[in-house]
Every structure is written in C-alpha cells, then in structure tokens.
Amino acid sequence: MDSIKNSKAKSIIVITVIYVLAAALGVAVFMSLRYLTWISLLIADVAATVFVFVFSLIFKNASVYDPYWSVQPIVIVAGFALTNNISAPATILLLVSIVYWGIRLTGNWAYVFGGLNHQDWRYTKLQKDTGKFYPLINFLGIHLMPTLIVYLTTLPAVYVTQYQLRANAGSYIGAAVCIGAATLQLAADMQMQRYRKSGQHGLIRTGLWKYARHPNYLGEILMWWGVAIQAISVMPDHWWFAAGALANTILFLTVSIPMADKRQSEKPGYAEYKAHTRSLLPIPKA
C-alpha cells in the first residue's frame, strides 16, 4: 500500500483503474433501470460516487474523489452523445465545450497530484475541524454534494443530446463562454504553477492573479453558465436548466472562495493584497 501511495505514477494508475470501474458500474446501473432518464442517471451517478468513496476510505485519502469533478461530465455527455445523435450541431457544440474543459482540468489535476499520500488541504482541515463527524462530512460534503452539483450542471447537456437540435446564436455564444472560461482557467493555473515552481510560497501578484484572487474559480463558474446558455437557447421552455449553474455559483461563493480566502489570510501582506484585488474579476481595481 505504501509503495503505491508514495509513487505518483502508481497512484495515478490506481485512480485510473478505480474510475474505469466506477464508470462501468454507473453504465451498468443506468442500463438496468427503467425510470425516467434523469432519475436513472442520478441513481447511476450516486452509485459510481459511492464506489469511489469506498476507495477513498481504503486509501484513507478523500482526494481519490478529486478527478470525479472533471471526469464525470465527459463520461456522461459523451456517452449520451454517442448513443443518440452526435452529429446534431447543438450536441457537437456542447460536447466540444465539455470535453475541452474536462481534459484541461483533469490534466491540471494530474500535473499537481502528488500521489495518494497527499490529501487536499481542505479535506484535512475538515477532518481536523469535524473530528468524529468527519466520516459523515466526508461522504456528504466532499463526495455526494459535488456529485449532485455537477450532475445538475451536466443534465442540460444530456437533454440536448437526446434531440436533433440545430444550433442558434445562443448556442455559439454559450460555447464561446465555455471555451473562454476553460481557457481562463488554463492561463490562471499555468501562471500559478510557474509561480510555485519558482520556489515562491507567498501571495502570487503576477498575471491574472495580480488583479483577482480567484480567476480560476471565475472560469469554473462561467463554464457552467455557458452550458446552461447553450441548452436553454435550443430548449427555451426548460428554464430550469440554469439550476445547476446557479448551484455551482453558490458553492464557490459560499464555500470554496471563503475557505481559500481564510487560508490565504494567514500569509503576510494579505490585507494589502485583498485591498488591491477583486475576488473573481481579473481587472484592475480603482
């Protein structure tokens, strides 16, 4: 076990196998059910999450779940697109948007992943703060809640893939938002990695980070609004498609950003940095 956890390469191989098996389980559960599509998909998604959760317990590391955020949408949307009509223009735009975003984010995870002996600092903090209640927090907060949110953000794309829908102006606008958002995340993450590779450990004050404290989070928020715009534009009666993007925005504004800000506040010069930067928008602050 230690030889796997201490090796990045072995850890990634193990996690890859876990996710292949989780995807196979999800597909099997979905195919065995005869409920409405959204219900069967939800049950299958939760089943795959529970499978990944079991291995996070085996390895005593909640970060086993981390790639789920970016892998889940690709598997779901690509699966539905392949089994329906992948040639429909509206489907192609959504598929390209999600695959581009997912591959980039998964690649960034693989790049910064240190192996199964490293756990995301947020999970370690929750473990310390919640004590004996951590197993429950681990399942509900770290695993299940993100799964449900990404399920909601992905569901609009699933609906679109089931119909032969032509793209319209809203489709292209939404796709541009998605590609722009994922590219913004790419730029922010690359700037952060170069900063860390230089050996510095303080507050990054270069590139997008010079003007915003969380430009990568802005990209993640905009990504799912782009998906919602694409889906609603071709299925305007389904206004509720915006629910996932809204839930994702609330998650970042109320959980992710406050936790990151609190951690950054422990570094020297944070008060001055905060006074001269915006939370999300990477534009100069007067």
Protein backbone atom coordinates (compact mmCIF):
# COMPACT_ATOMS: atom_id res chain seq x y z
CA MET A 1 0.00 0.00 0.00
CA ASP A 2 2.78 2.47 0.93
CA SER A 3 4.63 1.75 -2.31
CA ILE A 4 1.53 2.83 -4.23
CA LYS A 5 0.78 5.88 -2.11
CA ASN A 6 4.36 7.15 -2.28
CA SER A 7 4.55 6.85 -6.06
CA LYS A 8 2.77 9.43 -8.22
CA ALA A 9 2.79 7.16 -11.27
CA LYS A 10 1.38 4.16 -9.38
CA SER A 11 -1.19 6.36 -7.65
CA ILE A 12 -2.47 7.73 -10.97
CA ILE A 13 -2.67 4.22 -12.42
CA VAL A 14 -4.68 3.04 -9.41
CA ILE A 15 -7.03 6.01 -9.60
CA THR A 16 -7.46 5.47 -13.34
CA VAL A 17 -8.50 1.87 -12.71
CA ILE A 18 -10.89 2.99 -9.98
CA TYR A 19 -12.54 5.45 -12.34
CA VAL A 20 -12.82 2.99 -15.21
CA LEU A 21 -14.56 0.56 -12.85
CA ALA A 22 -16.74 3.36 -11.44
CA ALA A 23 -17.78 4.36 -14.97
CA ALA A 24 -18.56 0.73 -15.84
CA LEU A 25 -20.65 0.42 -12.68
CA GLY A 26 -22.50 3.64 -13.47
CA VAL A 27 -23.29 2.49 -17.01
CA ALA A 28 -24.45 -0.93 -15.77
CA VAL A 29 -26.73 0.63 -13.14
CA PHE A 30 -28.17 3.11 -15.65
CA MET A 31 -28.85 0.40 -18.24
CA SER A 32 -30.57 -1.81 -15.65
CA LEU A 33 -33.04 0.88 -14.60
CA ARG A 34 -36.31 1.75 -16.33
CA TYR A 35 -37.08 5.10 -14.74
CA LEU A 36 -37.11 8.47 -16.42
CA THR A 37 -33.68 9.30 -17.81
CA TRP A 38 -32.86 11.95 -15.22
CA ILE A 39 -33.78 9.61 -12.34
CA SER A 40 -31.83 6.63 -13.70
CA LEU A 41 -28.83 8.87 -14.38
CA LEU A 42 -28.95 10.29 -10.85
CA ILE A 43 -29.03 6.82 -9.29
CA ALA A 44 -26.17 5.63 -11.50
CA ASP A 45 -24.13 8.74 -10.70
CA VAL A 46 -24.59 8.26 -6.97
CA ALA A 47 -23.67 4.57 -7.28
CA ALA A 48 -20.40 5.50 -9.02
CA THR A 49 -19.72 8.09 -6.33
CA VAL A 50 -20.23 5.55 -3.55
CA PHE A 51 -17.81 3.23 -5.36
CA VAL A 52 -15.14 5.96 -5.44
CA PHE A 53 -15.91 6.82 -1.80
CA VAL A 54 -15.15 3.25 -0.73
CA PHE A 55 -11.66 3.56 -2.20
CA SER A 56 -11.15 6.92 -0.53
CA LEU A 57 -11.74 5.04 2.73
CA ILE A 58 -9.41 2.21 1.72
CA PHE A 59 -6.60 4.65 0.95
CA LYS A 60 -7.61 6.99 3.79
CA ASN A 61 -7.50 9.88 1.34
CA ALA A 62 -10.56 11.86 0.19
CA SER A 63 -8.56 13.21 -2.76
CA VAL A 64 -9.31 9.95 -4.56
CA TYR A 65 -12.53 11.77 -5.44
CA ASP A 66 -10.87 14.90 -6.89
CA PRO A 67 -10.86 13.87 -10.60
CA TYR A 68 -14.57 13.00 -10.40
CA TRP A 69 -15.47 16.68 -10.86
CA SER A 70 -13.91 16.80 -14.33
CA VAL A 71 -14.27 13.18 -15.46
CA GLN A 72 -17.96 12.71 -14.67
CA PRO A 73 -19.33 15.24 -17.22
CA ILE A 74 -17.18 13.87 -20.06
CA VAL A 75 -18.31 10.29 -19.44
CA ILE A 76 -21.97 11.22 -19.12
CA VAL A 77 -22.30 13.66 -22.03
CA ALA A 78 -20.05 11.69 -24.40
CA GLY A 79 -21.99 8.53 -23.55
CA PHE A 80 -25.34 10.10 -24.34
CA ALA A 81 -24.00 11.80 -27.46
CA LEU A 82 -22.63 8.51 -28.82
CA THR A 83 -25.83 6.59 -28.13
CA ASN A 84 -28.07 9.30 -29.63
CA ASN A 85 -27.14 11.63 -32.47
CA ILE A 86 -23.67 13.05 -32.06
CA SER A 87 -23.94 14.86 -35.40
CA ALA A 88 -26.61 17.32 -34.23
CA PRO A 89 -24.98 20.82 -34.23
CA ALA A 90 -26.22 21.74 -30.74
CA THR A 91 -24.85 18.45 -29.39
CA ILE A 92 -21.46 18.94 -31.05
CA LEU A 93 -21.02 22.40 -29.51
CA LEU A 94 -21.85 21.14 -26.02
CA LEU A 95 -19.65 18.06 -26.40
CA VAL A 96 -16.68 20.12 -27.58
CA SER A 97 -17.17 22.59 -24.73
CA ILE A 98 -17.32 19.93 -22.02
CA VAL A 99 -14.55 17.72 -23.40
CA TYR A 100 -12.18 20.69 -23.76
CA TRP A 101 -12.93 21.84 -20.22
CA GLY A 102 -12.75 18.32 -18.77
CA ILE A 103 -9.49 17.27 -20.41
CA ARG A 104 -7.83 20.52 -19.38
CA LEU A 105 -8.99 20.30 -15.77
CA THR A 106 -8.12 16.61 -15.47
CA GLY A 107 -4.70 17.32 -16.94
CA ASN A 108 -4.12 20.03 -14.36
CA TRP A 109 -5.15 17.62 -11.61
CA ALA A 110 -2.67 15.02 -12.88
CA TYR A 111 0.09 17.63 -13.05
CA VAL A 112 -0.30 18.87 -9.47
CA PHE A 113 -1.26 15.49 -7.97
CA GLY A 114 1.42 14.37 -5.58
CA GLY A 115 0.29 10.80 -5.05
CA LEU A 116 -2.10 9.09 -2.67
CA ASN A 117 0.00 10.12 0.30
CA HIS A 118 -1.12 13.74 -0.32
CA GLN A 119 -4.62 14.94 0.52
CA ASP A 120 -6.22 18.25 -0.44
CA TRP A 121 -5.68 20.76 2.38
CA ARG A 122 -9.40 21.49 2.53
CA TYR A 123 -10.22 17.87 3.38
CA THR A 124 -7.50 17.73 6.00
CA LYS A 125 -8.88 20.90 7.56
CA LEU A 126 -12.42 19.47 7.59
CA GLN A 127 -11.10 16.30 9.16
CA LYS A 128 -9.41 18.29 11.90
CA ASP A 129 -12.39 20.60 12.48
CA THR A 130 -15.15 17.96 12.49
CA GLY A 131 -13.43 15.18 14.44
CA LYS A 132 -15.62 12.10 14.88
CA PHE A 133 -18.20 13.51 12.45
CA TYR A 134 -15.67 13.56 9.61
CA PRO A 135 -16.75 10.25 8.01
CA LEU A 136 -20.24 11.70 7.54
CA ILE A 137 -18.85 15.04 6.31
CA ASN A 138 -16.51 13.15 4.03
CA PHE A 139 -19.35 11.31 2.30
CA LEU A 140 -21.99 14.04 2.24
CA GLY A 141 -19.83 17.13 1.83
CA ILE A 142 -16.74 16.02 -0.07
CA HIS A 143 -18.25 13.29 -2.25
CA LEU A 144 -22.03 13.46 -2.58
CA MET A 145 -22.64 17.22 -2.70
CA PRO A 146 -20.16 17.90 -5.54
CA THR A 147 -21.55 14.93 -7.45
CA LEU A 148 -25.08 16.32 -7.19
CA ILE A 149 -23.98 19.79 -8.26
CA VAL A 150 -22.02 18.55 -11.28
CA TYR A 151 -24.95 16.26 -12.09
CA LEU A 152 -27.21 19.32 -12.21
CA THR A 153 -24.75 21.28 -14.33
CA THR A 154 -24.38 18.37 -16.77
CA LEU A 155 -28.07 17.45 -17.03
CA PRO A 156 -28.94 20.24 -19.54
CA ALA A 157 -26.36 18.83 -21.97
CA VAL A 158 -27.84 15.34 -21.51
CA TYR A 159 -31.28 16.61 -22.53
CA VAL A 160 -29.91 18.34 -25.62
CA THR A 161 -28.10 15.19 -26.80
CA GLN A 162 -31.41 13.32 -26.95
CA TYR A 163 -32.86 15.53 -29.69
CA GLN A 164 -31.86 16.57 -33.19
CA LEU A 165 -31.41 20.24 -32.41
CA ARG A 166 -29.89 22.85 -34.65
CA ALA A 167 -27.51 25.39 -33.15
CA ASN A 168 -28.54 29.03 -32.91
CA ALA A 169 -26.93 32.28 -31.83
CA GLY A 170 -27.31 31.31 -28.17
CA SER A 171 -25.51 28.03 -28.84
CA TYR A 172 -22.47 29.79 -30.23
CA ILE A 173 -22.50 32.45 -27.51
CA GLY A 174 -22.68 29.76 -24.82
CA ALA A 175 -19.92 27.75 -26.47
CA ALA A 176 -17.73 30.85 -26.63
CA VAL A 177 -18.35 31.41 -22.90
CA CYS A 178 -17.35 27.78 -22.16
CA ILE A 179 -14.19 27.84 -24.26
CA GLY A 180 -13.24 31.25 -22.89
CA ALA A 181 -13.88 30.10 -19.30
CA ALA A 182 -11.79 26.93 -19.69
CA THR A 183 -9.00 28.93 -21.34
CA LEU A 184 -9.12 31.44 -18.48
CA GLN A 185 -8.67 28.56 -16.05
CA LEU A 186 -5.80 27.21 -18.14
CA ALA A 187 -3.99 30.57 -18.08
CA ALA A 188 -4.57 31.04 -14.34
CA ASP A 189 -3.40 27.53 -13.48
CA MET A 190 -0.30 27.80 -15.65
CA GLN A 191 0.62 31.10 -14.02
CA MET A 192 0.13 29.55 -10.59
CA GLN A 193 2.25 26.51 -11.44
CA ARG A 194 5.08 28.69 -12.77
CA TYR A 195 4.94 30.72 -9.58
CA ARG A 196 5.12 27.64 -7.36
CA LYS A 197 7.86 26.09 -9.49
CA SER A 198 9.95 29.21 -8.95
CA GLY A 199 10.09 28.29 -5.28
CA GLN A 200 7.96 31.15 -4.01
CA HIS A 201 5.34 30.46 -1.36
CA GLY A 202 3.76 33.84 -0.65
CA LEU A 203 0.91 35.61 -2.41
CA ILE A 204 1.09 35.48 -6.19
CA ARG A 205 0.98 39.00 -7.65
CA THR A 206 1.54 38.33 -11.35
CA GLY A 207 -0.63 37.71 -14.40
CA LEU A 208 -4.34 37.29 -13.77
CA TRP A 209 -3.60 36.90 -10.06
CA LYS A 210 -2.36 40.48 -9.92
CA TYR A 211 -5.93 41.70 -10.22
CA ALA A 212 -8.03 38.81 -8.87
CA ARG A 213 -7.61 36.35 -6.04
CA HIS A 214 -9.58 33.54 -7.72
CA PRO A 215 -9.50 33.84 -11.53
CA ASN A 216 -9.56 30.04 -11.81
CA TYR A 217 -12.81 29.91 -9.85
CA LEU A 218 -14.30 32.53 -12.17
CA GLY A 219 -13.56 30.23 -15.07
CA GLU A 220 -15.28 27.32 -13.33
CA ILE A 221 -18.37 29.41 -12.62
CA LEU A 222 -18.60 30.77 -16.17
CA MET A 223 -18.11 27.33 -17.69
CA TRP A 224 -21.42 26.02 -16.45
CA TRP A 225 -23.31 29.20 -17.24
CA GLY A 226 -22.03 28.69 -20.79
CA VAL A 227 -23.50 25.17 -20.81
CA ALA A 228 -26.80 26.49 -19.44
CA ILE A 229 -26.93 29.21 -22.11
CA GLN A 230 -26.36 26.65 -24.86
CA ALA A 231 -29.06 24.30 -23.56
CA ILE A 232 -31.70 26.93 -22.80
CA SER A 233 -31.18 28.63 -26.16
CA VAL A 234 -32.25 25.48 -28.03
CA MET A 235 -34.81 24.33 -25.42
CA PRO A 236 -36.22 27.64 -24.11
CA ASP A 237 -39.09 26.00 -22.22
CA HIS A 238 -36.57 24.32 -19.93
CA TRP A 239 -35.63 27.42 -17.94
CA TRP A 240 -34.71 25.19 -15.01
CA PHE A 241 -31.54 24.22 -16.87
CA ALA A 242 -29.97 27.19 -15.07
CA ALA A 243 -30.35 25.43 -11.69
CA GLY A 244 -27.03 23.62 -11.97
CA ALA A 245 -25.04 26.70 -12.91
CA LEU A 246 -26.70 28.60 -10.06
CA ALA A 247 -25.94 25.84 -7.53
CA ASN A 248 -22.33 25.72 -8.71
CA THR A 249 -22.01 29.50 -8.35
CA ILE A 250 -23.42 29.38 -4.82
CA LEU A 251 -20.97 26.57 -3.91
CA PHE A 252 -17.98 28.66 -4.95
CA LEU A 253 -19.25 31.89 -3.41
CA THR A 254 -20.21 30.36 -0.06
CA VAL A 255 -17.71 27.51 0.41
CA SER A 256 -14.71 27.39 -1.93
CA ILE A 257 -13.84 31.10 -2.01
CA PRO A 258 -14.29 31.74 1.74
CA MET A 259 -12.14 28.70 2.58
CA ALA A 260 -9.40 29.80 0.19
CA ASP A 261 -9.51 33.39 1.45
CA LYS A 262 -9.24 32.25 5.05
CA ARG A 263 -6.19 30.17 4.25
CA GLN A 264 -4.56 32.98 2.27
CA SER A 265 -5.22 35.43 5.09
CA GLU A 266 -2.58 33.62 7.14
CA LYS A 267 0.13 34.80 4.71
CA PRO A 268 1.96 38.10 5.26
CA GLY A 269 0.60 41.02 3.25
CA TYR A 270 -2.83 39.52 2.65
CA ALA A 271 -4.77 42.55 3.86
CA GLU A 272 -2.94 44.80 1.39
CA TYR A 273 -3.33 42.22 -1.38
CA LYS A 274 -7.07 41.93 -0.76
CA ALA A 275 -7.47 45.71 -0.74
CA HIS A 276 -5.95 45.96 -4.22
CA THR A 277 -7.59 42.94 -5.89
CA ARG A 278 -11.05 41.72 -6.74
CA SER A 279 -12.33 38.32 -5.71
CA LEU A 280 -13.12 36.99 -9.19
CA LEU A 281 -12.83 39.53 -11.99
CA PRO A 282 -9.19 39.91 -13.19
CA ILE A 283 -9.44 43.61 -13.93
CA PRO A 284 -7.64 46.50 -12.17
CA LYS A 285 -9.31 47.76 -9.03
CA ALA A 286 -9.52 51.52 -8.54
